[in-house]
Amino acid sequence: MSRAPERPVKHSLTLRGHRTSVSLEAEFWTAFRDIATARDLTINALAIEIDEQRQTTIGLASAIRVYILNHYKNAP
């Protein structure tokens, strides 16, 4: 049986010179860092890429979670 997820953890990101806070569960932060590292990007650079592609009605944290899900769903 898997354990219950922990509460989201807030981290600050810098998007095009603007500081913002994003709350994600620890597992998502780990996956986000792993994807950024694999793509040779900083997490700020990956967050900018995701931010530029998201719909304005979707929050950044949700967009990051969906990006991570799609990344692993489409992995070979």
C-alpha atoms as a PDB file:
ATOM      1  CA  MET A   1       0.000   0.000   0.000  1.00  0.00           C
ATOM      2  CA  SER A   2       1.368   3.439  -0.892  1.00  0.00           C
ATOM      3  CA  ARG A   3       1.615   6.151   1.690  1.00  0.00           C
ATOM      4  CA  ALA A   4      -0.577   9.235   1.650  1.00  0.00           C
ATOM      5  CA  PRO A   5       0.913  12.226  -0.159  1.00  0.00           C
ATOM      6  CA  GLU A   6       2.414  14.962   1.955  1.00  0.00           C
ATOM      7  CA  ARG A   7       1.202  18.532   1.972  1.00  0.00           C
ATOM      8  CA  PRO A   8       2.461  20.669  -0.912  1.00  0.00           C
ATOM      9  CA  VAL A   9       5.795  22.406  -0.399  1.00  0.00           C
ATOM     10  CA  LYS A  10       6.165  26.028  -1.514  1.00  0.00           C
ATOM     11  CA  HIS A  11       9.258  27.040  -3.504  1.00  0.00           C
ATOM     12  CA  SER A  12      10.135  30.324  -5.151  1.00  0.00           C
ATOM     13  CA  LEU A  13      10.835  30.444  -8.870  1.00  0.00           C
ATOM     14  CA  THR A  14      12.011  33.299 -11.053  1.00  0.00           C
ATOM     15  CA  LEU A  15      10.162  33.693 -14.345  1.00  0.00           C
ATOM     16  CA  ARG A  16      11.630  36.359 -16.624  1.00  0.00           C
ATOM     17  CA  GLY A  17      12.874  38.400 -13.647  1.00  0.00           C
ATOM     18  CA  HIS A  18       9.632  38.020 -11.673  1.00  0.00           C
ATOM     19  CA  ARG A  19       9.624  35.965  -8.447  1.00  0.00           C
ATOM     20  CA  THR A  20       6.658  33.679  -7.897  1.00  0.00           C
ATOM     21  CA  SER A  21       5.866  30.887  -5.467  1.00  0.00           C
ATOM     22  CA  VAL A  22       4.671  27.462  -6.536  1.00  0.00           C
ATOM     23  CA  SER A  23       3.334  24.783  -4.194  1.00  0.00           C
ATOM     24  CA  LEU A  24       3.860  21.174  -5.265  1.00  0.00           C
ATOM     25  CA  GLU A  25       4.020  17.895  -3.405  1.00  0.00           C
ATOM     26  CA  ALA A  26       7.579  16.681  -2.735  1.00  0.00           C
ATOM     27  CA  GLU A  27       7.243  13.917  -5.342  1.00  0.00           C
ATOM     28  CA  PHE A  28       6.373  16.484  -8.010  1.00  0.00           C
ATOM     29  CA  TRP A  29       9.342  18.684  -7.028  1.00  0.00           C
ATOM     30  CA  THR A  30      11.625  15.657  -7.389  1.00  0.00           C
ATOM     31  CA  ALA A  31      10.169  14.767 -10.791  1.00  0.00           C
ATOM     32  CA  PHE A  32      10.325  18.418 -11.909  1.00  0.00           C
ATOM     33  CA  ARG A  33      14.029  18.644 -10.991  1.00  0.00           C
ATOM     34  CA  ASP A  34      14.746  15.289 -12.659  1.00  0.00           C
ATOM     35  CA  ILE A  35      13.106  16.387 -15.915  1.00  0.00           C
ATOM     36  CA  ALA A  36      14.933  19.735 -15.879  1.00  0.00           C
ATOM     37  CA  THR A  37      18.264  17.988 -15.269  1.00  0.00           C
ATOM     38  CA  ALA A  38      17.615  15.452 -18.048  1.00  0.00           C
ATOM     39  CA  ARG A  39      16.873  18.335 -20.424  1.00  0.00           C
ATOM     40  CA  ASP A  40      19.930  20.283 -19.196  1.00  0.00           C
ATOM     41  CA  LEU A  41      17.708  23.125 -17.944  1.00  0.00           C
ATOM     42  CA  THR A  42      17.318  24.893 -14.641  1.00  0.00           C
ATOM     43  CA  ILE A  43      13.949  24.483 -12.966  1.00  0.00           C
ATOM     44  CA  ASN A  44      13.373  28.198 -13.622  1.00  0.00           C
ATOM     45  CA  ALA A  45      13.975  27.702 -17.368  1.00  0.00           C
ATOM     46  CA  LEU A  46      11.630  24.703 -17.455  1.00  0.00           C
ATOM     47  CA  ALA A  47       9.004  26.658 -15.489  1.00  0.00           C
ATOM     48  CA  ILE A  48       9.237  29.497 -18.037  1.00  0.00           C
ATOM     49  CA  GLU A  49       8.716  27.013 -20.880  1.00  0.00           C
ATOM     50  CA  ILE A  50       5.662  25.541 -19.138  1.00  0.00           C
ATOM     51  CA  ASP A  51       4.348  29.014 -18.254  1.00  0.00           C
ATOM     52  CA  GLU A  52       4.567  30.143 -21.880  1.00  0.00           C
ATOM     53  CA  GLN A  53       2.568  27.121 -23.073  1.00  0.00           C
ATOM     54  CA  ARG A  54      -0.182  27.086 -20.432  1.00  0.00           C
ATOM     55  CA  GLN A  55      -3.666  28.489 -20.765  1.00  0.00           C
ATOM     56  CA  THR A  56      -4.207  31.611 -18.704  1.00  0.00           C
ATOM     57  CA  THR A  57      -7.069  29.947 -16.821  1.00  0.00           C
ATOM     58  CA  ILE A  58      -4.749  27.216 -15.480  1.00  0.00           C
ATOM     59  CA  GLY A  59      -2.486  27.927 -12.500  1.00  0.00           C
ATOM     60  CA  LEU A  60       1.251  27.392 -12.852  1.00  0.00           C
ATOM     61  CA  ALA A  61       1.351  24.597 -10.251  1.00  0.00           C
ATOM     62  CA  SER A  62      -1.388  22.701 -12.104  1.00  0.00           C
ATOM     63  CA  ALA A  63       0.380  23.242 -15.421  1.00  0.00           C
ATOM     64  CA  ILE A  64       3.614  21.849 -13.942  1.00  0.00           C
ATOM     65  CA  ARG A  65       1.814  18.773 -12.590  1.00  0.00           C
ATOM     66  CA  VAL A  66       0.197  18.096 -15.981  1.00  0.00           C
ATOM     67  CA  TYR A  67       3.536  18.613 -17.740  1.00  0.00           C
ATOM     68  CA  ILE A  68       5.181  16.070 -15.419  1.00  0.00           C
ATOM     69  CA  LEU A  69       2.329  13.597 -15.906  1.00  0.00           C
ATOM     70  CA  ASN A  70       2.515  13.918 -19.695  1.00  0.00           C
ATOM     71  CA  HIS A  71       6.306  13.632 -19.629  1.00  0.00           C
ATOM     72  CA  TYR A  72       6.203  10.274 -17.872  1.00  0.00           C
ATOM     73  CA  LYS A  73       3.085   9.088 -19.702  1.00  0.00           C
ATOM     74  CA  ASN A  74       4.837   9.644 -23.043  1.00  0.00           C
ATOM     75  CA  ALA A  75       8.228   8.277 -21.944  1.00  0.00           C
ATOM     76  CA  PRO A  76       9.441   5.206 -23.828  1.00  0.00           C
END
